[in-house]
Amino acid sequence: MSGVLLFVEPDDELSLQALSLAQELGDVRAVAIDGAYAPAAWAEAIAAAAEGAGAIVAAGSDRGNELLAHVAARLDQPFAANVTAIDGDVVTRVRWGGSLLEEARLHGTPRILSVAPHTQPAAEAVTAEQLTVDTEGAVRVLETVSESTGGVSLRDAKVVVSGGRGVGSAEAFAIIEELAGLLGGAVGCSRVVTSAGWRPHADQVGQTGTKISADLYVACGISGATQHIAGAKGAKKILAINTDPEAPIFASADYAVIGDLHEVVPAISAELRRVRGS
């Protein structure tokens, strides 16, 4: 495979992970784009810059996947999203929220692929060439408004404490909030919790919610459906608390507490307070 064109975003961990895989494919030319996000216009600039390249790569983020889909449509080539490895024209990629790996042949030139988040080590940053983009008349994203959580966001939190159906009610999330506060973390939840109206969708961890990369994820009363694990697997360590010893969450957990979260969580908070002398 000849040279690789890599789209990177500034100070983005996922872009550095994508760089790691891109460097296995050939000499990398990293490019970046400033200004308001205009998918079609940005894709046109990337397609033009990729002339003669053997591959076009980006991080498997929401933006990376959307942008490369536009590039693929413009170049009339197939696009493989969330790739973990590539050997010749055979790619391995994550499917079904991380529950299986698929091997498929990626035909055409250039190969167009995004790199699945948290499947590659981050490479050392490289200098990216700034592409000039003409956005005159193009559809642009002028503003992104996020729901205020009143504290650290799920995406940036080093510690996330989440509750599931086992918490029992919106009011019972007080013990989850207390522990998260003591740990300087954010409160998360499972999809069933948002469906019940106990927490806003902004708090949901999962395939259709937020994908986290916390140092510690504490899952309280969460069974561990595939869609939820897809959002939590980026955490470095997972502590699961559940009364059911057969709960699927334990298969993904580094630490397990089989017990009633309504007893275990307050006990952890009390011990933290005791150790800190407060």
Protein backbone atom coordinates (compact mmCIF):
# COMPACT_ATOMS: atom_id res chain seq x y z
CA MET A 1 0.00 0.00 0.00
CA SER A 2 1.36 3.45 -0.91
CA GLY A 3 1.08 6.63 1.13
CA VAL A 4 -1.70 7.20 3.65
CA LEU A 5 -3.70 10.41 4.07
CA LEU A 6 -4.80 10.77 7.69
CA PHE A 7 -7.40 13.31 8.84
CA VAL A 8 -6.65 14.44 12.40
CA GLU A 9 -8.38 16.76 14.82
CA PRO A 10 -6.30 18.94 17.19
CA ASP A 11 -5.57 17.52 20.66
CA ASP A 12 -7.69 14.46 19.93
CA GLU A 13 -6.75 11.14 21.52
CA LEU A 14 -8.75 9.15 18.96
CA SER A 15 -6.82 10.78 16.11
CA LEU A 16 -3.56 9.65 17.70
CA GLN A 17 -4.95 6.13 17.93
CA ALA A 18 -5.89 6.29 14.24
CA LEU A 19 -2.36 7.49 13.50
CA SER A 20 -0.99 4.35 15.14
CA LEU A 21 -2.83 2.09 12.67
CA ALA A 22 -2.19 4.41 9.73
CA GLN A 23 1.57 4.18 10.30
CA GLU A 24 1.35 0.42 9.81
CA LEU A 25 -0.02 0.99 6.30
CA GLY A 26 2.66 3.30 4.92
CA ASP A 27 4.06 6.81 5.04
CA VAL A 28 1.51 9.08 6.66
CA ARG A 29 0.57 12.55 5.52
CA ALA A 30 -1.55 14.09 8.29
CA VAL A 31 -4.02 16.83 7.38
CA ALA A 32 -6.31 18.99 9.46
CA ILE A 33 -9.01 21.55 8.76
CA ASP A 34 -9.90 24.66 10.74
CA GLY A 35 -13.13 26.60 10.83
CA ALA A 36 -16.79 25.73 10.95
CA TYR A 37 -17.50 22.07 10.23
CA ALA A 38 -18.91 21.67 6.72
CA PRO A 39 -18.98 17.92 5.94
CA ALA A 40 -19.39 18.06 2.16
CA ALA A 41 -16.84 20.87 1.70
CA TRP A 42 -14.32 19.23 4.01
CA ALA A 43 -14.77 15.92 2.18
CA GLU A 44 -14.07 17.64 -1.14
CA ALA A 45 -10.80 19.03 0.22
CA ILE A 46 -9.74 15.67 1.65
CA ALA A 47 -10.59 13.83 -1.58
CA ALA A 48 -8.50 16.30 -3.56
CA ALA A 49 -5.58 16.01 -1.13
CA ALA A 50 -5.72 12.20 -1.31
CA GLU A 51 -4.89 12.00 -5.02
CA GLY A 52 -2.42 9.14 -5.44
CA ALA A 53 -2.79 7.92 -1.84
CA GLY A 54 -3.28 4.24 -1.14
CA ALA A 55 -5.52 4.84 1.85
CA ILE A 56 -7.55 7.54 3.58
CA VAL A 57 -7.88 7.12 7.34
CA ALA A 58 -9.60 8.93 10.21
CA ALA A 59 -10.63 8.20 13.77
CA GLY A 60 -13.86 6.26 14.18
CA SER A 61 -15.52 9.19 15.94
CA ASP A 62 -18.88 10.64 14.96
CA ARG A 63 -17.14 13.28 12.86
CA GLY A 64 -14.53 10.93 11.42
CA ASN A 65 -17.13 8.41 10.29
CA GLU A 66 -19.41 11.08 8.83
CA LEU A 67 -16.59 12.80 7.00
CA LEU A 68 -15.18 9.63 5.44
CA ALA A 69 -18.67 8.59 4.36
CA HIS A 70 -18.82 11.83 2.37
CA VAL A 71 -15.31 11.20 0.97
CA ALA A 72 -16.25 7.66 -0.08
CA ALA A 73 -19.40 8.89 -1.82
CA ARG A 74 -17.41 11.55 -3.65
CA LEU A 75 -14.75 9.05 -4.81
CA ASP A 76 -17.33 6.29 -5.46
CA GLN A 77 -15.41 3.86 -3.24
CA PRO A 78 -16.49 1.60 -0.36
CA PHE A 79 -15.89 2.72 3.22
CA ALA A 80 -15.05 0.46 6.19
CA ALA A 81 -15.94 1.98 9.55
CA ASN A 82 -14.44 1.05 12.94
CA VAL A 83 -11.51 -1.03 11.69
CA THR A 84 -9.19 -2.71 14.18
CA ALA A 85 -6.71 -4.27 11.73
CA ILE A 86 -5.99 -4.47 8.00
CA ASP A 87 -4.00 -7.06 6.04
CA GLY A 88 -3.86 -6.37 2.33
CA ASP A 89 -7.47 -5.89 1.29
CA VAL A 90 -8.87 -7.73 4.34
CA VAL A 91 -10.09 -5.56 7.20
CA THR A 92 -11.18 -6.59 10.67
CA ARG A 93 -13.77 -4.28 12.11
CA VAL A 94 -16.03 -3.94 15.13
CA ARG A 95 -19.71 -4.71 14.61
CA TRP A 96 -22.84 -4.82 16.74
CA GLY A 97 -21.56 -2.41 19.34
CA GLY A 98 -18.40 -4.40 19.95
CA SER A 99 -20.04 -7.80 20.42
CA LEU A 100 -18.31 -9.30 17.37
CA LEU A 101 -15.46 -8.76 14.93
CA GLU A 102 -16.05 -9.01 11.20
CA GLU A 103 -13.49 -9.82 8.52
CA ALA A 104 -14.31 -8.38 5.11
CA ARG A 105 -12.56 -7.50 1.87
CA LEU A 106 -12.23 -3.80 1.18
CA HIS A 107 -11.97 -3.30 -2.57
CA GLY A 108 -10.97 -0.24 -4.54
CA THR A 109 -8.32 2.44 -4.33
CA PRO A 110 -7.80 4.34 -2.15
CA ARG A 111 -8.83 2.20 0.80
CA ILE A 112 -11.10 4.35 2.96
CA LEU A 113 -11.41 3.39 6.61
CA SER A 114 -11.92 4.72 10.12
CA VAL A 115 -10.16 3.25 13.15
CA ALA A 116 -12.30 1.85 15.96
CA PRO A 117 -11.85 3.91 19.15
CA HIS A 118 -9.76 2.44 21.97
CA THR A 119 -8.41 -0.48 19.92
CA GLN A 120 -4.97 1.00 19.13
CA PRO A 121 -2.28 2.62 21.27
CA ALA A 122 -1.93 6.35 20.80
CA ALA A 123 1.02 7.33 18.61
CA GLU A 124 3.25 10.34 19.09
CA ALA A 125 1.66 13.45 17.63
CA VAL A 126 2.81 14.57 14.18
CA THR A 127 2.59 17.93 12.46
CA ALA A 128 -0.57 18.17 10.38
CA GLU A 129 -0.87 20.14 7.17
CA GLN A 130 -3.77 22.59 7.20
CA LEU A 131 -6.02 22.16 4.19
CA THR A 132 -7.75 25.15 2.65
CA VAL A 133 -11.50 24.63 2.34
CA ASP A 134 -13.99 26.71 0.40
CA THR A 135 -17.20 26.66 2.46
CA GLU A 136 -18.97 29.37 0.47
CA GLY A 137 -22.55 28.22 0.06
CA ALA A 138 -21.86 24.93 1.87
CA VAL A 139 -23.95 23.56 4.71
CA ARG A 140 -22.01 24.30 7.90
CA VAL A 141 -22.34 23.47 11.57
CA LEU A 142 -22.26 26.88 13.22
CA GLU A 143 -22.81 25.87 16.83
CA THR A 144 -23.02 22.74 18.95
CA VAL A 145 -25.08 23.11 22.10
CA SER A 146 -24.56 20.53 24.81
CA GLU A 147 -26.92 19.97 27.69
CA SER A 148 -25.38 21.35 30.86
CA THR A 149 -24.70 18.68 33.48
CA GLY A 150 -23.61 21.12 36.17
CA GLY A 151 -20.24 19.37 36.50
CA VAL A 152 -17.69 17.27 34.66
CA SER A 153 -18.99 15.72 31.44
CA LEU A 154 -19.28 11.98 30.89
CA ARG A 155 -16.92 12.13 27.93
CA ASP A 156 -14.16 13.89 29.90
CA ALA A 157 -14.67 12.37 33.36
CA LYS A 158 -11.86 10.31 34.90
CA VAL A 159 -14.44 8.52 37.07
CA VAL A 160 -18.01 7.66 36.07
CA VAL A 161 -20.54 6.19 38.51
CA SER A 162 -23.56 4.77 36.69
CA GLY A 163 -26.86 3.33 37.81
CA GLY A 164 -29.21 0.95 36.08
CA ARG A 165 -32.62 -0.56 36.66
CA GLY A 166 -31.43 -1.86 40.02
CA VAL A 167 -31.28 1.68 41.45
CA GLY A 168 -35.07 1.58 41.53
CA SER A 169 -36.14 5.21 41.08
CA ALA A 170 -35.03 8.72 40.18
CA GLU A 171 -34.88 9.64 43.88
CA ALA A 172 -32.64 6.66 44.65
CA PHE A 173 -29.98 8.10 42.33
CA ALA A 174 -29.02 10.34 45.26
CA ILE A 175 -26.57 7.68 46.47
CA ILE A 176 -25.06 7.43 42.97
CA GLU A 177 -24.66 11.22 42.85
CA GLU A 178 -23.10 11.22 46.31
CA LEU A 179 -20.44 8.66 45.38
CA ALA A 180 -19.70 10.39 42.07
CA GLY A 181 -19.25 13.68 43.93
CA LEU A 182 -16.84 12.15 46.44
CA LEU A 183 -14.78 10.69 43.59
CA GLY A 184 -14.85 13.91 41.56
CA GLY A 185 -16.64 12.07 38.79
CA ALA A 186 -19.75 12.20 36.65
CA VAL A 187 -23.07 10.38 36.97
CA GLY A 188 -24.08 8.01 34.19
CA CYS A 189 -26.91 5.57 33.61
CA SER A 190 -28.17 2.79 31.37
CA ARG A 191 -30.72 3.12 28.57
CA VAL A 192 -33.55 1.64 30.66
CA VAL A 193 -33.06 4.47 33.16
CA THR A 194 -33.50 7.18 30.55
CA SER A 195 -36.48 5.30 29.10
CA ALA A 196 -38.07 5.35 32.55
CA GLY A 197 -37.48 9.10 32.79
CA TRP A 198 -35.24 8.82 35.87
CA ARG A 199 -32.27 10.56 34.21
CA PRO A 200 -31.81 12.68 31.04
CA HIS A 201 -30.49 11.08 27.85
CA ALA A 202 -27.29 13.15 28.27
CA ASP A 203 -26.39 10.83 31.17
CA GLN A 204 -26.73 7.62 29.17
CA VAL A 205 -23.63 5.48 28.66
CA GLY A 206 -23.90 3.15 25.70
CA GLN A 207 -23.93 2.62 21.97
CA THR A 208 -26.74 5.17 21.54
CA GLY A 209 -25.46 7.36 24.38
CA THR A 210 -22.00 8.53 25.37
CA LYS A 211 -18.90 6.38 24.90
CA ILE A 212 -16.63 6.98 27.86
CA SER A 213 -12.88 6.58 28.40
CA ALA A 214 -12.73 7.02 32.18
CA ASP A 215 -9.97 5.64 34.39
CA LEU A 216 -12.68 4.00 36.52
CA TYR A 217 -16.26 3.06 35.65
CA VAL A 218 -18.51 2.01 38.54
CA ALA A 219 -21.62 0.19 37.25
CA CYS A 220 -24.33 -0.08 39.92
CA GLY A 221 -27.33 -2.31 39.30
CA ILE A 222 -26.59 -2.54 35.58
CA SER A 223 -27.08 -5.94 33.93
CA GLY A 224 -24.59 -5.25 31.13
CA ALA A 225 -26.42 -5.39 27.81
CA THR A 226 -24.23 -5.37 24.70
CA GLN A 227 -25.27 -1.81 23.85
CA HIS A 228 -24.21 -0.58 27.28
CA ILE A 229 -20.85 -2.35 27.21
CA ALA A 230 -20.20 -0.73 23.82
CA GLY A 231 -20.21 2.64 25.58
CA ALA A 232 -18.31 1.55 28.68
CA LYS A 233 -15.52 -0.60 27.22
CA GLY A 234 -13.24 2.42 26.78
CA ALA A 235 -12.87 2.66 30.57
CA LYS A 236 -9.51 1.46 31.88
CA LYS A 237 -11.08 -0.32 34.87
CA ILE A 238 -14.67 -1.41 35.51
CA LEU A 239 -16.14 -2.10 38.95
CA ALA A 240 -19.55 -3.79 38.82
CA ILE A 241 -22.00 -3.96 41.72
CA ASN A 242 -24.97 -6.30 41.26
CA THR A 243 -27.04 -8.76 43.27
CA ASP A 244 -27.11 -11.22 40.36
CA PRO A 245 -23.85 -13.22 40.16
CA GLU A 246 -24.78 -14.23 36.59
CA ALA A 247 -25.21 -10.64 35.35
CA PRO A 248 -23.43 -10.19 31.97
CA ILE A 249 -21.69 -7.05 33.29
CA PHE A 250 -19.33 -9.24 35.33
CA ALA A 251 -17.81 -10.70 32.14
CA SER A 252 -16.46 -7.22 31.33
CA ALA A 253 -15.64 -6.13 34.87
CA ASP A 254 -12.17 -5.95 36.40
CA TYR A 255 -13.66 -5.94 39.90
CA ALA A 256 -16.97 -7.37 41.07
CA VAL A 257 -19.10 -6.86 44.16
CA ILE A 258 -22.06 -9.20 44.44
CA GLY A 259 -24.42 -7.37 46.72
CA ASP A 260 -27.20 -4.82 47.08
CA LEU A 261 -26.08 -1.49 45.66
CA HIS A 262 -28.30 0.30 48.22
CA GLU A 263 -25.99 -1.09 50.91
CA VAL A 264 -22.69 -1.24 49.02
CA VAL A 265 -22.67 2.26 47.50
CA PRO A 266 -23.43 4.14 50.76
CA ALA A 267 -20.80 1.97 52.50
CA ILE A 268 -18.17 3.01 49.94
CA SER A 269 -19.15 6.68 50.37
CA ALA A 270 -18.98 6.36 54.16
CA GLU A 271 -15.52 4.80 53.98
CA LEU A 272 -14.29 7.56 51.68
CA ARG A 273 -15.53 10.15 54.14
CA ARG A 274 -13.90 8.31 57.05
CA VAL A 275 -10.53 8.09 55.30
CA ARG A 276 -10.66 11.76 54.38
CA GLY A 277 -11.72 12.72 57.88
CA SER A 278 -14.89 14.43 56.74
